[in-house]
Amino acid sequence: MPTIGTLNENLLHAALKERYARPGGGVEVKLHGYVVDVARDDLWIEIQTSNVWHIKRKLAVLADHHPVRLVLPVALEKWIVKVGPDGESLPGRRKSPKRGAVASVFRELVSIPHLFAHPDFSLAVLLIQEEEVRANDASHNWRRKGWGTVERRLIGVVEERLFETPGDLAALLPAALTEPFTARQLAAALDQPVWLAHKMIYCLRAMGELAPAGKTGRSTTYVRVAAAS
């Protein structure tokens, strides 16, 4: 019989929950009005495979009662698997040319930058290998000619990175990045899109780790707070 919260659980979430569960602890435990993925005596763990915005209040409430860790998986390597109309046959499997990076989590952290000021909140970023399963539905996902993601499967965990303070996240700024810098310069140094650099800057400013330092043309420049003081 499925437990609370598992009826619509995806395979990736289930695999990561199993990874963090410990003997004597609990999974899908109801605490302070919420269901917590993994509960230990020393730590409560929430695993989110997308849309952190939906659980930002939950994280804040739980952190007021117990040490809480948010786990975010990032696909370092991904294989695309296409399944037929029967959901089983495999029209194709290929490796995606895209590689994830730790900095990718800033697309989700824009919802919760304030939480890093809480002494009982931390973040674990898992760099993983995964399969993304796609099925064809002509009524959706026109950009992929009807192919939409229906499941994510964990193949393996390559590395886990722990972030406990705003300074830990600020350390992701490239050491060779010359200050002051623009979002475009940060994106180039990270080898990431400019939109992601903007999200990183937004988060680090909200955490007190970056400060504006003027303009270069029409672009705002930034410096690390330590450099600005």
Protein backbone atom coordinates (compact mmCIF):
# COMPACT_ATOMS: atom_id res chain seq x y z
CA MET A 1 0.00 0.00 0.00
CA PRO A 2 1.49 3.41 -0.96
CA THR A 3 2.22 5.72 1.97
CA ILE A 4 1.22 9.39 2.23
CA GLY A 5 2.65 11.37 -0.65
CA THR A 6 3.81 8.40 -2.75
CA LEU A 7 0.79 7.87 -5.00
CA ASN A 8 2.09 10.31 -7.64
CA GLU A 9 5.78 10.00 -6.76
CA ASN A 10 8.22 9.86 -9.66
CA LEU A 11 11.00 7.30 -9.84
CA LEU A 12 13.80 9.84 -9.39
CA HIS A 13 12.26 11.20 -6.21
CA ALA A 14 11.69 7.69 -4.85
CA ALA A 15 15.29 6.66 -5.56
CA LEU A 16 16.71 9.74 -3.84
CA LYS A 17 14.43 9.26 -0.85
CA GLU A 18 15.75 5.72 -0.49
CA ARG A 19 19.32 7.07 -0.68
CA TYR A 20 18.77 9.39 2.29
CA ALA A 21 16.65 7.13 4.47
CA ARG A 22 18.37 5.63 7.51
CA PRO A 23 17.51 2.72 9.81
CA GLY A 24 15.52 4.01 12.74
CA GLY A 25 14.38 7.08 10.82
CA GLY A 26 11.16 7.62 8.94
CA VAL A 27 9.95 8.44 5.44
CA GLU A 28 6.82 10.41 4.53
CA VAL A 29 6.42 11.54 8.14
CA LYS A 30 3.77 14.12 9.05
CA LEU A 31 5.36 16.95 11.04
CA HIS A 32 3.98 20.41 11.86
CA GLY A 33 1.24 20.06 9.28
CA TYR A 34 3.51 18.88 6.45
CA VAL A 35 4.73 15.54 5.13
CA VAL A 36 8.53 15.33 5.30
CA ASP A 37 10.31 13.06 2.81
CA VAL A 38 12.93 11.75 5.26
CA ALA A 39 12.96 12.38 9.01
CA ARG A 40 15.95 11.64 11.20
CA ASP A 41 16.68 12.64 14.78
CA ASP A 42 19.31 15.13 13.62
CA LEU A 43 17.94 16.21 10.24
CA TRP A 44 14.76 16.48 8.19
CA ILE A 45 15.27 16.13 4.45
CA GLU A 46 13.11 17.47 1.63
CA ILE A 47 13.84 16.23 -1.90
CA GLN A 48 12.58 18.42 -4.73
CA THR A 49 13.07 17.55 -8.39
CA SER A 50 11.47 20.80 -9.62
CA ASN A 51 9.56 23.93 -8.57
CA VAL A 52 11.02 24.82 -5.18
CA TRP A 53 8.59 27.74 -5.11
CA HIS A 54 5.81 25.29 -4.21
CA ILE A 55 7.50 24.28 -0.94
CA LYS A 56 9.15 27.51 0.19
CA ARG A 57 6.69 28.05 3.06
CA LYS A 58 6.99 24.41 4.07
CA LEU A 59 10.79 24.71 4.27
CA ALA A 60 10.58 27.89 6.34
CA VAL A 61 8.12 26.39 8.83
CA LEU A 62 10.09 23.18 9.24
CA ALA A 63 13.41 25.02 9.70
CA ASP A 64 11.87 26.87 12.65
CA HIS A 65 11.50 23.53 14.43
CA HIS A 66 14.42 21.33 13.35
CA PRO A 67 17.48 21.29 11.07
CA VAL A 68 16.21 20.94 7.48
CA ARG A 69 18.10 20.09 4.31
CA LEU A 70 16.77 20.65 0.80
CA VAL A 71 18.11 18.19 -1.78
CA LEU A 72 18.16 19.33 -5.42
CA PRO A 73 19.33 16.93 -8.15
CA VAL A 74 21.10 18.32 -11.22
CA ALA A 75 21.62 16.12 -14.28
CA LEU A 76 25.34 16.15 -14.99
CA GLU A 77 24.71 13.55 -17.69
CA LYS A 78 21.37 12.67 -19.23
CA TRP A 79 20.09 10.00 -21.60
CA ILE A 80 16.85 10.63 -23.49
CA VAL A 81 14.64 7.54 -23.75
CA LYS A 82 11.59 7.58 -26.01
CA VAL A 83 8.79 5.12 -25.34
CA GLY A 84 6.10 4.04 -27.78
CA PRO A 85 2.32 4.39 -27.41
CA ASP A 86 2.25 1.22 -25.32
CA GLY A 87 4.60 2.85 -22.80
CA GLU A 88 7.12 0.03 -23.12
CA SER A 89 8.70 -0.18 -26.57
CA LEU A 90 11.78 1.96 -27.15
CA PRO A 91 11.85 3.91 -30.43
CA GLY A 92 15.18 5.41 -29.35
CA ARG A 93 17.74 6.17 -26.66
CA ARG A 94 20.44 8.82 -26.97
CA LYS A 95 22.77 10.79 -24.76
CA SER A 96 21.93 14.47 -24.42
CA PRO A 97 24.79 16.83 -25.33
CA LYS A 98 23.79 19.11 -22.45
CA ARG A 99 25.66 18.85 -19.13
CA GLY A 100 24.35 20.27 -15.91
CA ALA A 101 26.38 22.28 -13.41
CA VAL A 102 26.05 23.13 -9.74
CA ALA A 103 25.21 26.71 -10.69
CA SER A 104 22.03 25.40 -12.35
CA VAL A 105 20.34 25.32 -8.93
CA PHE A 106 20.06 29.12 -8.90
CA ARG A 107 17.06 28.80 -11.23
CA GLU A 108 15.28 27.28 -8.19
CA LEU A 109 16.98 29.24 -5.40
CA VAL A 110 15.43 32.52 -6.58
CA SER A 111 12.36 31.37 -4.63
CA ILE A 112 14.16 30.94 -1.30
CA PRO A 113 17.31 33.12 -1.00
CA HIS A 114 16.15 34.34 2.43
CA LEU A 115 16.27 30.80 3.85
CA PHE A 116 20.06 30.73 3.77
CA ALA A 117 20.07 33.20 6.65
CA HIS A 118 18.38 30.54 8.79
CA PRO A 119 20.93 28.62 10.89
CA ASP A 120 18.97 25.37 10.56
CA PHE A 121 18.62 25.37 6.77
CA SER A 122 21.07 23.78 4.32
CA LEU A 123 21.17 22.68 0.70
CA ALA A 124 22.58 19.53 -0.88
CA VAL A 125 23.12 19.57 -4.63
CA LEU A 126 23.37 16.13 -6.19
CA LEU A 127 25.10 15.89 -9.54
CA ILE A 128 23.51 12.83 -11.07
CA GLN A 129 23.30 10.66 -14.16
CA GLU A 130 19.70 10.15 -15.22
CA GLU A 131 17.36 8.90 -17.89
CA GLU A 132 14.62 11.22 -19.06
CA VAL A 133 11.72 9.20 -20.43
CA ARG A 134 9.61 10.85 -23.13
CA ALA A 135 6.33 9.80 -24.69
CA ASN A 136 4.54 11.24 -27.70
CA ASP A 137 1.35 13.23 -27.28
CA ALA A 138 0.49 15.35 -30.30
CA SER A 139 -1.65 17.68 -28.19
CA HIS A 140 1.30 18.86 -26.08
CA ASN A 141 4.96 19.86 -26.33
CA TRP A 142 4.81 21.20 -29.87
CA ARG A 143 8.41 22.35 -29.64
CA ARG A 144 9.47 18.71 -29.33
CA LYS A 145 7.02 17.56 -32.01
CA GLY A 146 4.72 16.11 -29.39
CA TRP A 147 7.37 14.42 -27.23
CA GLY A 148 7.00 15.24 -23.54
CA THR A 149 8.80 14.10 -20.39
CA VAL A 150 6.82 11.52 -18.44
CA GLU A 151 9.47 10.18 -16.05
CA ARG A 152 13.00 10.69 -14.74
CA ARG A 153 15.09 7.74 -13.60
CA LEU A 154 18.23 7.81 -11.49
CA ILE A 155 21.23 6.02 -12.98
CA GLY A 156 23.85 7.12 -10.48
CA VAL A 157 25.11 9.89 -8.19
CA VAL A 158 28.40 11.46 -9.31
CA GLU A 159 28.91 13.97 -6.51
CA GLU A 160 27.15 15.66 -3.61
CA ARG A 161 27.85 19.30 -2.73
CA LEU A 162 26.71 20.73 0.60
CA PHE A 163 25.90 24.43 1.09
CA GLU A 164 25.18 25.63 4.61
CA THR A 165 25.76 29.40 4.39
CA PRO A 166 25.45 32.20 1.82
CA GLY A 167 29.24 32.25 1.70
CA ASP A 168 29.26 28.64 0.54
CA LEU A 169 27.13 29.62 -2.45
CA ALA A 170 29.19 32.75 -3.12
CA ALA A 171 32.21 30.46 -3.47
CA LEU A 172 30.66 29.28 -6.75
CA LEU A 173 31.66 32.62 -8.28
CA PRO A 174 34.68 31.86 -10.50
CA ALA A 175 37.92 32.81 -8.75
CA ALA A 176 39.28 34.28 -11.98
CA LEU A 177 36.27 36.58 -12.45
CA THR A 178 37.54 40.17 -12.50
CA GLU A 179 35.60 42.68 -10.41
CA PRO A 180 33.49 44.62 -10.97
CA PHE A 181 31.63 42.33 -13.37
CA THR A 182 28.38 42.31 -15.32
CA ALA A 183 25.88 39.47 -15.61
CA ARG A 184 27.15 38.79 -19.12
CA GLN A 185 30.74 38.53 -17.87
CA LEU A 186 29.66 36.18 -15.09
CA ALA A 187 27.80 34.01 -17.59
CA ALA A 188 30.91 33.76 -19.77
CA ALA A 189 33.09 32.84 -16.78
CA LEU A 190 30.61 30.14 -15.73
CA ASP A 191 29.98 28.99 -19.31
CA GLN A 192 26.26 29.31 -18.56
CA PRO A 193 23.38 31.33 -20.06
CA VAL A 194 23.05 35.01 -19.17
CA TRP A 195 19.58 34.41 -17.70
CA LEU A 196 21.11 32.00 -15.18
CA ALA A 197 23.82 34.53 -14.28
CA HIS A 198 21.06 37.06 -13.52
CA LYS A 199 19.38 34.57 -11.18
CA MET A 200 22.69 33.87 -9.44
CA ILE A 201 23.29 37.59 -8.97
CA TYR A 202 19.76 38.09 -7.65
CA CYS A 203 20.22 35.34 -5.05
CA LEU A 204 23.67 36.43 -3.91
CA ARG A 205 22.53 40.04 -3.59
CA ALA A 206 19.54 38.93 -1.50
CA MET A 207 21.94 36.90 0.67
CA GLY A 208 24.23 39.89 1.17
CA GLU A 209 27.14 38.40 -0.79
CA LEU A 210 27.11 40.76 -3.80
CA ALA A 211 26.70 44.52 -4.07
CA PRO A 212 26.15 46.79 -7.08
CA ALA A 213 29.23 48.78 -8.04
CA GLY A 214 28.03 51.11 -10.80
CA LYS A 215 27.47 50.75 -14.51
CA THR A 216 29.34 49.68 -17.60
CA GLY A 217 27.31 51.20 -20.39
CA ARG A 218 23.74 50.15 -19.62
CA SER A 219 24.76 47.09 -17.57
CA THR A 220 24.99 47.08 -13.78
CA THR A 221 28.28 45.85 -12.37
CA TYR A 222 28.76 43.92 -9.14
CA VAL A 223 31.45 43.11 -6.61
CA ARG A 224 31.70 40.66 -3.77
CA VAL A 225 30.65 42.33 -0.52
CA ALA A 226 34.07 41.65 0.99
CA ALA A 227 35.60 43.59 -1.89
CA ALA A 228 33.11 46.42 -1.53
CA SER A 229 33.78 46.93 2.20
